[in-house]
Amino acid sequence: MMHSDDQLPDSPAITLLKELGAETAKHSGGTLLTHLLRVEAMLAEWGARPALQTAALCHAFYGTDGLPLVLLELSERDRLAAAIGREAEELVYFYASCDRKASYPSLAAPEGEPVTFRDRFTGEEFTPSLRQRRDFAELTVANELDLAKVNESFRERNGAGLLQLFTRWAPLLSEAARREVTAVLG
C-alpha cells in the first residue's frame, strides 16, 4: 500500500530508490517511483506473495529490455539483495534480464513444449521454472497495465499487442490479473 512519508518510515527499498533518484526520474504518470509504487500496489491487490510485491517495487533497478534507465549496476546486486532480500532480488534480476523478443513467444508454452528464456545480460538461454514464468508474467502484466492506465498514447500504440500477448499468457496469470487485463485492454 502507498503511504505518505509522514505516516510511516520508508522501507529499505524505498530509501534506496530515493537515494538513486527514482523519485525525480520522469516516467509515465509522474516519476519512476510513483510508477513503481503503483505496480507494487497492483500486485498486492492481486494477492501476490510479499517477495513478488517487493520485486514489483524494485523491477527497474537494473533497467529492462524496454527501459534503459539503470539505477544499480549488476555488480551491485548484493546491495539490492541486502535491502530487499535474496528472493526478491533474484526476481528483479530475472525480470530485468529478459530478452523480450527471444523470450516472450514461448513463455506460456504448454507442458512438454520447449520454453526458451534468454538472459539479455549474459546471452544464456535456459528453461525457467513454472513459478519463475508465472512471477515474470504477473509482474510484466502489472507493469504494462499501469503504463496503459496512465498513458493514453501508450495504450493506443500498444494495447492491441499487449492484449494478444497477455491472452496467450493467460495460463500463467492469476484470476485477478486476467480480470485486470480485460478491464484495461478490452
N, C-alpha and C. Protein backbone atom coordinates (compact mmCIF):
# COMPACT_ATOMS: atom_id res chain seq x y z
N MET A 1 0.83 -1.18 0.00
CA MET A 1 0.00 0.00 0.00
C MET A 1 0.87 1.25 0.00
N MET A 2 0.42 2.25 -0.69
CA MET A 2 1.16 3.51 -0.70
C MET A 2 0.89 4.25 0.60
N HIS A 3 1.86 5.01 1.02
CA HIS A 3 1.69 5.79 2.24
C HIS A 3 2.44 7.09 2.08
N SER A 4 1.99 8.09 2.82
CA SER A 4 2.72 9.36 2.77
C SER A 4 3.93 9.26 3.68
N ASP A 5 4.94 10.01 3.33
CA ASP A 5 6.20 9.93 4.07
C ASP A 5 6.07 10.28 5.54
N ASP A 6 5.06 11.07 5.89
CA ASP A 6 4.95 11.49 7.29
C ASP A 6 4.22 10.45 8.16
N GLN A 7 3.67 9.40 7.56
CA GLN A 7 2.95 8.41 8.36
C GLN A 7 3.83 7.24 8.76
N LEU A 8 4.61 6.72 7.85
CA LEU A 8 5.43 5.54 8.11
C LEU A 8 6.84 5.78 7.60
N PRO A 9 7.82 5.17 8.28
CA PRO A 9 9.18 5.31 7.75
C PRO A 9 9.30 4.54 6.43
N ASP A 10 10.19 5.00 5.57
CA ASP A 10 10.41 4.32 4.30
C ASP A 10 11.02 2.95 4.52
N SER A 11 10.64 2.02 3.69
CA SER A 11 11.26 0.71 3.70
C SER A 11 12.69 0.86 3.16
N PRO A 12 13.54 -0.13 3.40
CA PRO A 12 14.89 -0.06 2.80
C PRO A 12 14.84 0.07 1.27
N ALA A 13 13.87 -0.57 0.63
CA ALA A 13 13.75 -0.48 -0.83
C ALA A 13 13.45 0.96 -1.26
N ILE A 14 12.50 1.60 -0.59
CA ILE A 14 12.13 2.97 -0.96
C ILE A 14 13.27 3.93 -0.64
N THR A 15 13.93 3.72 0.46
CA THR A 15 15.10 4.54 0.79
C THR A 15 16.14 4.46 -0.32
N LEU A 16 16.42 3.24 -0.78
CA LEU A 16 17.41 3.05 -1.85
C LEU A 16 16.91 3.66 -3.16
N LEU A 17 15.64 3.47 -3.48
CA LEU A 17 15.08 4.07 -4.70
C LEU A 17 15.23 5.59 -4.68
N LYS A 18 14.93 6.21 -3.55
CA LYS A 18 15.06 7.67 -3.43
C LYS A 18 16.52 8.09 -3.53
N GLU A 19 17.40 7.35 -2.87
CA GLU A 19 18.83 7.67 -2.91
C GLU A 19 19.36 7.64 -4.35
N LEU A 20 18.81 6.74 -5.17
CA LEU A 20 19.29 6.57 -6.54
C LEU A 20 18.50 7.39 -7.56
N GLY A 21 17.59 8.25 -7.07
CA GLY A 21 16.94 9.20 -7.96
C GLY A 21 15.61 8.79 -8.56
N ALA A 22 15.00 7.71 -8.07
CA ALA A 22 13.73 7.26 -8.66
C ALA A 22 12.59 8.24 -8.44
N GLU A 23 12.67 9.06 -7.38
CA GLU A 23 11.55 9.99 -7.15
C GLU A 23 11.66 11.25 -8.00
N THR A 24 12.76 11.43 -8.72
CA THR A 24 12.88 12.57 -9.62
C THR A 24 12.97 12.15 -11.09
N ALA A 25 13.20 10.87 -11.35
CA ALA A 25 13.29 10.38 -12.74
C ALA A 25 11.89 10.40 -13.36
N LYS A 26 11.75 11.08 -14.48
CA LYS A 26 10.46 11.17 -15.18
C LYS A 26 10.06 9.79 -15.72
N HIS A 27 8.77 9.51 -15.64
CA HIS A 27 8.23 8.24 -16.13
C HIS A 27 6.75 8.47 -16.40
N SER A 28 6.14 7.59 -17.18
CA SER A 28 4.70 7.72 -17.48
C SER A 28 3.91 7.86 -16.20
N GLY A 29 3.06 8.87 -16.16
CA GLY A 29 2.21 9.08 -15.00
C GLY A 29 2.91 9.69 -13.81
N GLY A 30 4.03 10.36 -14.05
CA GLY A 30 4.74 11.03 -12.95
C GLY A 30 6.21 10.69 -12.92
N THR A 31 6.63 10.13 -11.79
CA THR A 31 8.05 9.76 -11.64
C THR A 31 8.18 8.25 -11.66
N LEU A 32 9.41 7.78 -11.78
CA LEU A 32 9.66 6.35 -11.73
C LEU A 32 9.17 5.78 -10.40
N LEU A 33 9.40 6.48 -9.30
CA LEU A 33 8.97 5.98 -8.00
C LEU A 33 7.46 5.83 -7.93
N THR A 34 6.70 6.80 -8.46
CA THR A 34 5.24 6.67 -8.41
C THR A 34 4.78 5.48 -9.24
N HIS A 35 5.40 5.26 -10.39
CA HIS A 35 5.09 4.08 -11.22
C HIS A 35 5.37 2.80 -10.45
N LEU A 36 6.54 2.71 -9.84
CA LEU A 36 6.92 1.50 -9.11
C LEU A 36 5.96 1.23 -7.95
N LEU A 37 5.56 2.28 -7.26
CA LEU A 37 4.60 2.12 -6.16
C LEU A 37 3.25 1.63 -6.67
N ARG A 38 2.83 2.12 -7.84
CA ARG A 38 1.54 1.67 -8.41
C ARG A 38 1.61 0.19 -8.81
N VAL A 39 2.74 -0.22 -9.40
CA VAL A 39 2.89 -1.62 -9.82
C VAL A 39 2.90 -2.52 -8.58
N GLU A 40 3.62 -2.11 -7.54
CA GLU A 40 3.63 -2.88 -6.29
C GLU A 40 2.22 -2.99 -5.73
N ALA A 41 1.47 -1.88 -5.71
CA ALA A 41 0.11 -1.88 -5.17
C ALA A 41 -0.81 -2.79 -5.98
N MET A 42 -0.63 -2.81 -7.30
CA MET A 42 -1.46 -3.66 -8.14
C MET A 42 -1.22 -5.13 -7.79
N LEU A 43 0.04 -5.51 -7.65
CA LEU A 43 0.33 -6.90 -7.30
C LEU A 43 -0.18 -7.24 -5.91
N ALA A 44 -0.14 -6.29 -5.00
CA ALA A 44 -0.70 -6.52 -3.66
C ALA A 44 -2.20 -6.76 -3.76
N GLU A 45 -2.89 -5.95 -4.58
CA GLU A 45 -4.33 -6.13 -4.78
C GLU A 45 -4.64 -7.50 -5.36
N TRP A 46 -3.74 -8.02 -6.19
CA TRP A 46 -3.95 -9.33 -6.81
C TRP A 46 -3.60 -10.48 -5.88
N GLY A 47 -3.06 -10.17 -4.70
CA GLY A 47 -2.73 -11.21 -3.73
C GLY A 47 -1.37 -11.85 -3.94
N ALA A 48 -0.48 -11.17 -4.64
CA ALA A 48 0.87 -11.70 -4.86
C ALA A 48 1.61 -11.84 -3.52
N ARG A 49 2.50 -12.81 -3.45
CA ARG A 49 3.28 -13.00 -2.22
C ARG A 49 4.21 -11.81 -2.02
N PRO A 50 4.66 -11.59 -0.78
CA PRO A 50 5.48 -10.41 -0.48
C PRO A 50 6.73 -10.24 -1.34
N ALA A 51 7.45 -11.32 -1.63
CA ALA A 51 8.68 -11.18 -2.43
C ALA A 51 8.37 -10.65 -3.83
N LEU A 52 7.26 -11.07 -4.41
CA LEU A 52 6.88 -10.59 -5.74
C LEU A 52 6.42 -9.13 -5.68
N GLN A 53 5.73 -8.76 -4.62
CA GLN A 53 5.35 -7.35 -4.46
C GLN A 53 6.60 -6.48 -4.35
N THR A 54 7.58 -6.94 -3.58
CA THR A 54 8.83 -6.18 -3.43
C THR A 54 9.58 -6.11 -4.75
N ALA A 55 9.60 -7.21 -5.48
CA ALA A 55 10.24 -7.21 -6.80
C ALA A 55 9.55 -6.21 -7.72
N ALA A 56 8.24 -6.10 -7.61
CA ALA A 56 7.50 -5.13 -8.43
C ALA A 56 7.95 -3.72 -8.11
N LEU A 57 8.11 -3.43 -6.84
CA LEU A 57 8.58 -2.11 -6.42
C LEU A 57 9.97 -1.81 -6.97
N CYS A 58 10.77 -2.86 -7.14
CA CYS A 58 12.18 -2.69 -7.50
C CYS A 58 12.51 -3.16 -8.91
N HIS A 59 11.50 -3.44 -9.73
CA HIS A 59 11.75 -4.11 -11.01
C HIS A 59 12.62 -3.32 -11.98
N ALA A 60 12.79 -2.03 -11.77
CA ALA A 60 13.56 -1.22 -12.72
C ALA A 60 15.02 -0.99 -12.30
N PHE A 61 15.46 -1.58 -11.20
CA PHE A 61 16.81 -1.30 -10.71
C PHE A 61 17.90 -1.54 -11.75
N TYR A 62 17.82 -2.61 -12.50
CA TYR A 62 18.87 -2.96 -13.47
C TYR A 62 18.49 -2.57 -14.89
N GLY A 63 17.44 -1.75 -15.03
CA GLY A 63 16.93 -1.44 -16.35
C GLY A 63 16.15 -2.64 -16.88
N THR A 64 15.51 -2.46 -18.02
CA THR A 64 14.79 -3.57 -18.65
C THR A 64 15.03 -3.49 -20.15
N ASP A 65 14.57 -4.51 -20.83
CA ASP A 65 14.68 -4.53 -22.29
C ASP A 65 13.92 -3.35 -22.90
N GLY A 66 12.95 -2.81 -22.17
CA GLY A 66 12.17 -1.68 -22.68
C GLY A 66 12.52 -0.34 -22.06
N LEU A 67 13.33 -0.33 -21.00
CA LEU A 67 13.68 0.91 -20.30
C LEU A 67 15.17 0.90 -19.98
N PRO A 68 15.95 1.71 -20.67
CA PRO A 68 17.41 1.67 -20.48
C PRO A 68 17.91 2.30 -19.18
N LEU A 69 17.05 3.02 -18.45
CA LEU A 69 17.47 3.64 -17.20
C LEU A 69 17.93 2.56 -16.21
N VAL A 70 19.15 2.70 -15.70
CA VAL A 70 19.71 1.75 -14.74
C VAL A 70 19.98 2.48 -13.43
N LEU A 71 19.40 2.00 -12.34
CA LEU A 71 19.63 2.59 -11.03
C LEU A 71 20.84 1.96 -10.34
N LEU A 72 21.03 0.66 -10.55
CA LEU A 72 22.17 -0.05 -9.98
C LEU A 72 22.80 -0.92 -11.05
N GLU A 73 24.11 -0.99 -11.06
CA GLU A 73 24.81 -1.88 -11.98
C GLU A 73 24.68 -3.32 -11.47
N LEU A 74 24.82 -4.27 -12.36
CA LEU A 74 24.72 -5.67 -11.96
C LEU A 74 25.77 -6.06 -10.93
N SER A 75 26.89 -5.36 -10.93
CA SER A 75 27.94 -5.63 -9.95
C SER A 75 27.49 -5.27 -8.53
N GLU A 76 26.34 -4.58 -8.42
CA GLU A 76 25.83 -4.16 -7.11
C GLU A 76 24.59 -4.95 -6.68
N ARG A 77 24.44 -6.15 -7.23
CA ARG A 77 23.28 -6.97 -6.88
C ARG A 77 23.19 -7.22 -5.38
N ASP A 78 24.33 -7.41 -4.73
CA ASP A 78 24.31 -7.68 -3.28
C ASP A 78 23.74 -6.49 -2.50
N ARG A 79 23.95 -5.30 -3.01
CA ARG A 79 23.41 -4.11 -2.34
C ARG A 79 21.88 -4.13 -2.37
N LEU A 80 21.31 -4.48 -3.51
CA LEU A 80 19.86 -4.58 -3.59
C LEU A 80 19.36 -5.74 -2.74
N ALA A 81 20.04 -6.87 -2.80
CA ALA A 81 19.63 -8.04 -2.00
C ALA A 81 19.64 -7.72 -0.51
N ALA A 82 20.60 -6.92 -0.06
CA ALA A 82 20.65 -6.54 1.35
C ALA A 82 19.44 -5.70 1.73
N ALA A 83 18.92 -4.92 0.78
CA ALA A 83 17.77 -4.06 1.06
C ALA A 83 16.44 -4.79 0.97
N ILE A 84 16.33 -5.77 0.07
CA ILE A 84 15.02 -6.37 -0.18
C ILE A 84 14.96 -7.87 0.02
N GLY A 85 16.09 -8.51 0.27
CA GLY A 85 16.10 -9.96 0.42
C GLY A 85 16.51 -10.63 -0.88
N ARG A 86 17.10 -11.82 -0.75
CA ARG A 86 17.65 -12.53 -1.91
C ARG A 86 16.56 -12.96 -2.90
N GLU A 87 15.44 -13.50 -2.41
CA GLU A 87 14.40 -13.97 -3.33
C GLU A 87 13.86 -12.82 -4.18
N ALA A 88 13.56 -11.69 -3.56
CA ALA A 88 13.04 -10.55 -4.31
C ALA A 88 14.08 -10.03 -5.30
N GLU A 89 15.35 -9.99 -4.88
CA GLU A 89 16.40 -9.52 -5.79
C GLU A 89 16.53 -10.45 -6.99
N GLU A 90 16.44 -11.76 -6.76
CA GLU A 90 16.53 -12.71 -7.87
C GLU A 90 15.37 -12.51 -8.85
N LEU A 91 14.19 -12.17 -8.33
CA LEU A 91 13.05 -11.87 -9.20
C LEU A 91 13.31 -10.59 -10.01
N VAL A 92 13.90 -9.58 -9.36
CA VAL A 92 14.24 -8.34 -10.06
C VAL A 92 15.23 -8.63 -11.19
N TYR A 93 16.26 -9.41 -10.89
CA TYR A 93 17.25 -9.75 -11.91
C TYR A 93 16.58 -10.50 -13.06
N PHE A 94 15.78 -11.50 -12.73
CA PHE A 94 15.12 -12.31 -13.76
C PHE A 94 14.27 -11.42 -14.67
N TYR A 95 13.51 -10.52 -14.07
CA TYR A 95 12.68 -9.61 -14.85
C TYR A 95 13.54 -8.71 -15.74
N ALA A 96 14.56 -8.13 -15.16
CA ALA A 96 15.42 -7.20 -15.91
C ALA A 96 16.20 -7.89 -17.01
N SER A 97 16.53 -9.16 -16.79
CA SER A 97 17.40 -9.88 -17.72
C SER A 97 16.68 -10.37 -18.97
N CYS A 98 15.37 -10.26 -19.00
CA CYS A 98 14.61 -10.84 -20.10
C CYS A 98 14.89 -10.17 -21.44
N ASP A 99 15.33 -10.96 -22.39
CA ASP A 99 15.39 -10.54 -23.79
C ASP A 99 13.98 -10.82 -24.33
N ARG A 100 13.18 -9.77 -24.42
CA ARG A 100 11.76 -9.93 -24.71
C ARG A 100 11.50 -10.61 -26.05
N LYS A 101 12.22 -10.21 -27.08
CA LYS A 101 11.98 -10.78 -28.42
C LYS A 101 12.21 -12.28 -28.41
N ALA A 102 13.24 -12.72 -27.71
CA ALA A 102 13.57 -14.14 -27.67
C ALA A 102 12.71 -14.92 -26.67
N SER A 103 12.25 -14.27 -25.62
CA SER A 103 11.62 -14.98 -24.51
C SER A 103 10.09 -14.95 -24.52
N TYR A 104 9.48 -13.87 -24.95
CA TYR A 104 8.02 -13.75 -24.88
C TYR A 104 7.27 -14.85 -25.64
N PRO A 105 7.69 -15.22 -26.87
CA PRO A 105 6.86 -16.14 -27.66
C PRO A 105 6.57 -17.48 -26.99
N SER A 106 7.52 -18.06 -26.28
CA SER A 106 7.29 -19.40 -25.73
C SER A 106 7.02 -19.40 -24.24
N LEU A 107 6.90 -18.25 -23.61
CA LEU A 107 6.79 -18.18 -22.15
C LEU A 107 5.63 -19.03 -21.62
N ALA A 108 4.50 -19.04 -22.31
CA ALA A 108 3.32 -19.78 -21.83
C ALA A 108 3.13 -21.10 -22.57
N ALA A 109 4.19 -21.64 -23.13
CA ALA A 109 4.08 -22.91 -23.85
C ALA A 109 3.50 -23.98 -22.93
N PRO A 110 2.62 -24.83 -23.47
CA PRO A 110 2.05 -25.91 -22.66
C PRO A 110 3.15 -26.87 -22.18
N GLU A 111 2.84 -27.58 -21.10
CA GLU A 111 3.79 -28.54 -20.55
C GLU A 111 4.22 -29.51 -21.64
N GLY A 112 5.52 -29.76 -21.70
CA GLY A 112 6.05 -30.66 -22.71
C GLY A 112 6.60 -29.94 -23.93
N GLU A 113 6.17 -28.70 -24.14
CA GLU A 113 6.71 -27.91 -25.25
C GLU A 113 7.86 -27.07 -24.72
N PRO A 114 8.85 -26.79 -25.59
CA PRO A 114 10.02 -26.05 -25.12
C PRO A 114 9.71 -24.59 -24.76
N VAL A 115 10.32 -24.14 -23.69
CA VAL A 115 10.24 -22.76 -23.25
C VAL A 115 11.67 -22.24 -23.26
N THR A 116 11.90 -21.16 -23.99
CA THR A 116 13.23 -20.58 -24.04
C THR A 116 13.20 -19.19 -23.43
N PHE A 117 14.08 -18.99 -22.46
CA PHE A 117 14.25 -17.67 -21.86
C PHE A 117 15.69 -17.28 -22.12
N ARG A 118 15.89 -16.09 -22.70
CA ARG A 118 17.25 -15.60 -22.96
C ARG A 118 17.56 -14.44 -22.02
N ASP A 119 18.68 -14.58 -21.32
CA ASP A 119 19.18 -13.54 -20.42
C ASP A 119 19.90 -12.52 -21.30
N ARG A 120 19.38 -11.30 -21.34
CA ARG A 120 19.96 -10.27 -22.22
C ARG A 120 21.32 -9.79 -21.72
N PHE A 121 21.64 -10.04 -20.45
CA PHE A 121 22.94 -9.63 -19.92
C PHE A 121 24.04 -10.63 -20.28
N THR A 122 23.72 -11.92 -20.26
CA THR A 122 24.73 -12.96 -20.48
C THR A 122 24.58 -13.67 -21.82
N GLY A 123 23.40 -13.57 -22.45
CA GLY A 123 23.14 -14.30 -23.68
C GLY A 123 22.75 -15.75 -23.43
N GLU A 124 22.79 -16.21 -22.17
CA GLU A 124 22.44 -17.59 -21.83
C GLU A 124 20.97 -17.84 -22.10
N GLU A 125 20.67 -19.03 -22.62
CA GLU A 125 19.28 -19.46 -22.81
C GLU A 125 19.02 -20.64 -21.89
N PHE A 126 17.85 -20.65 -21.26
CA PHE A 126 17.50 -21.74 -20.35
C PHE A 126 15.99 -21.84 -20.26
N THR A 127 15.52 -22.87 -19.59
CA THR A 127 14.09 -23.07 -19.37
C THR A 127 13.79 -22.68 -17.93
N PRO A 128 13.06 -21.58 -17.73
CA PRO A 128 12.72 -21.18 -16.37
C PRO A 128 11.66 -22.10 -15.78
N SER A 129 11.62 -22.13 -14.46
CA SER A 129 10.59 -22.93 -13.77
C SER A 129 9.21 -22.32 -14.03
N LEU A 130 8.19 -23.12 -13.77
CA LEU A 130 6.82 -22.62 -13.92
C LEU A 130 6.59 -21.43 -12.98
N ARG A 131 7.10 -21.50 -11.76
CA ARG A 131 6.94 -20.38 -10.82
C ARG A 131 7.63 -19.12 -11.35
N GLN A 132 8.83 -19.27 -11.91
CA GLN A 132 9.52 -18.10 -12.49
C GLN A 132 8.69 -17.50 -13.61
N ARG A 133 8.14 -18.35 -14.46
CA ARG A 133 7.33 -17.85 -15.58
C ARG A 133 6.08 -17.16 -15.08
N ARG A 134 5.44 -17.73 -14.08
CA ARG A 134 4.23 -17.10 -13.52
C ARG A 134 4.55 -15.75 -12.89
N ASP A 135 5.62 -15.72 -12.09
CA ASP A 135 6.03 -14.45 -11.47
C ASP A 135 6.36 -13.41 -12.53
N PHE A 136 7.11 -13.81 -13.54
CA PHE A 136 7.50 -12.90 -14.60
C PHE A 136 6.27 -12.37 -15.34
N ALA A 137 5.36 -13.26 -15.68
CA ALA A 137 4.15 -12.85 -16.41
C ALA A 137 3.31 -11.90 -15.56
N GLU A 138 3.13 -12.22 -14.29
CA GLU A 138 2.32 -11.39 -13.40
C GLU A 138 2.93 -9.99 -13.27
N LEU A 139 4.25 -9.92 -13.08
CA LEU A 139 4.94 -8.63 -12.96
C LEU A 139 4.88 -7.85 -14.27
N THR A 140 5.08 -8.53 -15.38
CA THR A 140 5.02 -7.86 -16.69
C THR A 140 3.63 -7.28 -16.93
N VAL A 141 2.61 -8.06 -16.64
CA VAL A 141 1.24 -7.59 -16.84
C VAL A 141 0.96 -6.37 -15.97
N ALA A 142 1.34 -6.43 -14.70
CA ALA A 142 1.11 -5.28 -13.81
C ALA A 142 1.84 -4.04 -14.32
N ASN A 143 3.08 -4.22 -14.73
CA ASN A 143 3.88 -3.10 -15.23
C ASN A 143 3.23 -2.47 -16.47
N GLU A 144 2.90 -3.29 -17.45
CA GLU A 144 2.35 -2.78 -18.70
C GLU A 144 0.94 -2.21 -18.50
N LEU A 145 0.13 -2.84 -17.65
CA LEU A 145 -1.21 -2.30 -17.40
C LEU A 145 -1.14 -0.95 -16.70
N ASP A 146 -0.17 -0.78 -15.80
CA ASP A 146 -0.02 0.53 -15.17
C ASP A 146 0.28 1.58 -16.24
N LEU A 147 1.18 1.27 -17.15
CA LEU A 147 1.50 2.23 -18.22
C LEU A 147 0.28 2.53 -19.08
N ALA A 148 -0.49 1.48 -19.38
CA ALA A 148 -1.68 1.66 -20.21
C ALA A 148 -2.74 2.50 -19.50
N LYS A 149 -2.83 2.38 -18.19
CA LYS A 149 -3.81 3.15 -17.42
C LYS A 149 -3.47 4.64 -17.38
N VAL A 150 -2.20 4.97 -17.28
CA VAL A 150 -1.81 6.37 -17.06
C VAL A 150 -1.38 7.09 -18.33
N ASN A 151 -1.24 6.36 -19.44
CA ASN A 151 -0.72 6.96 -20.67
C ASN A 151 -1.57 6.50 -21.85
N GLU A 152 -2.49 7.36 -22.26
CA GLU A 152 -3.41 7.00 -23.33
C GLU A 152 -2.69 6.69 -24.64
N SER A 153 -1.65 7.45 -24.97
CA SER A 153 -0.94 7.17 -26.23
C SER A 153 -0.22 5.82 -26.16
N PHE A 154 0.30 5.45 -25.00
CA PHE A 154 0.90 4.12 -24.83
C PHE A 154 -0.15 3.05 -25.07
N ARG A 155 -1.34 3.24 -24.47
CA ARG A 155 -2.43 2.26 -24.63
C ARG A 155 -2.85 2.16 -26.09
N GLU A 156 -2.98 3.29 -26.77
CA GLU A 156 -3.38 3.28 -28.18
C GLU A 156 -2.33 2.58 -29.05
N ARG A 157 -1.06 2.84 -28.77
CA ARG A 157 0.05 2.27 -29.54
C ARG A 157 0.23 0.78 -29.27
N ASN A 158 0.10 0.37 -28.00
CA ASN A 158 0.49 -0.98 -27.59
C ASN A 158 -0.63 -1.86 -27.09
N GLY A 159 -1.81 -1.30 -26.88
CA GLY A 159 -2.89 -2.06 -26.25
C GLY A 159 -3.26 -3.34 -26.95
N ALA A 160 -3.44 -3.30 -28.27
CA ALA A 160 -3.86 -4.50 -29.00
C ALA A 160 -2.80 -5.59 -28.93
N GLY A 161 -1.54 -5.22 -29.07
CA GLY A 161 -0.46 -6.20 -28.98
C GLY A 161 -0.33 -6.79 -27.58
N LEU A 162 -0.49 -5.93 -26.57
CA LEU A 162 -0.42 -6.42 -25.19
C LEU A 162 -1.59 -7.34 -24.89
N LEU A 163 -2.79 -7.00 -25.36
CA LEU A 163 -3.94 -7.86 -25.15
C LEU A 163 -3.71 -9.24 -25.77
N GLN A 164 -3.17 -9.26 -26.96
CA GLN A 164 -2.87 -10.52 -27.64
C GLN A 164 -1.84 -11.32 -26.84
N LEU A 165 -0.76 -10.67 -26.42
CA LEU A 165 0.29 -11.34 -25.65
C LEU A 165 -0.26 -11.88 -24.33
N PHE A 166 -0.98 -11.03 -23.60
CA PHE A 166 -1.45 -11.43 -22.27
C PHE A 166 -2.55 -12.49 -22.37
N THR A 167 -3.28 -12.53 -23.48
CA THR A 167 -4.25 -13.60 -23.70
C THR A 167 -3.51 -14.93 -23.87
N ARG A 168 -2.39 -14.92 -24.60
CA ARG A 168 -1.57 -16.13 -24.74
C ARG A 168 -1.00 -16.55 -23.38
N TRP A 169 -0.67 -15.57 -22.56
CA TRP A 169 -0.08 -15.85 -21.25
C TRP A 169 -1.11 -16.19 -20.18
N ALA A 170 -2.40 -16.17 -20.51
CA ALA A 170 -3.46 -16.37 -19.51
C ALA A 170 -3.23 -17.58 -18.60
N PRO A 171 -2.72 -18.71 -19.11
CA PRO A 171 -2.49 -19.84 -18.21
C PRO A 171 -1.47 -19.56 -17.09
N LEU A 172 -0.65 -18.55 -17.27
CA LEU A 172 0.34 -18.22 -16.26
C LEU A 172 -0.17 -17.20 -15.24
N LEU A 173 -1.29 -16.55 -15.55
CA LEU A 173 -1.75 -15.41 -14.77
C LEU A 173 -2.78 -15.78 -13.71
N SER A 174 -2.77 -15.03 -12.63
CA SER A 174 -3.81 -15.17 -11.61
C SER A 174 -5.14 -14.70 -12.20
N GLU A 175 -6.22 -15.13 -11.57
CA GLU A 175 -7.54 -14.69 -12.00
C GLU A 175 -7.64 -13.17 -11.91
N ALA A 176 -7.08 -12.58 -10.85
CA ALA A 176 -7.14 -11.12 -10.69
C ALA A 176 -6.40 -10.41 -11.83
N ALA A 177 -5.27 -10.93 -12.24
CA ALA A 177 -4.51 -10.33 -13.35
C ALA A 177 -5.30 -10.45 -14.65
N ARG A 178 -5.90 -11.60 -14.88
CA ARG A 178 -6.71 -11.79 -16.11
C ARG A 178 -7.88 -10.80 -16.14
N ARG A 179 -8.53 -10.61 -15.02
CA ARG A 179 -9.65 -9.65 -14.96
C ARG A 179 -9.16 -8.24 -15.26
N GLU A 180 -8.00 -7.87 -14.71
CA GLU A 180 -7.47 -6.53 -14.93
C GLU A 180 -7.07 -6.32 -16.40
N VAL A 181 -6.52 -7.35 -17.04
CA VAL A 181 -6.19 -7.26 -18.47
C VAL A 181 -7.46 -6.92 -19.25
N THR A 182 -8.53 -7.63 -18.96
CA THR A 182 -9.81 -7.40 -19.65
C THR A 182 -10.34 -5.99 -19.37
N ALA A 183 -10.25 -5.58 -18.11
CA ALA A 183 -10.78 -4.26 -17.73
C ALA A 183 -10.01 -3.12 -18.40
N VAL A 184 -8.70 -3.27 -18.52
CA VAL A 184 -7.87 -2.17 -19.04
C VAL A 184 -7.73 -2.23 -20.56
N LEU A 185 -7.59 -3.43 -21.12
CA LEU A 185 -7.28 -3.55 -22.54
C LEU A 185 -8.43 -4.04 -23.41
N GLY A 186 -9.52 -4.50 -22.76
CA GLY A 186 -10.69 -4.90 -23.57
C GLY A 186 -11.03 -6.33 -23.53
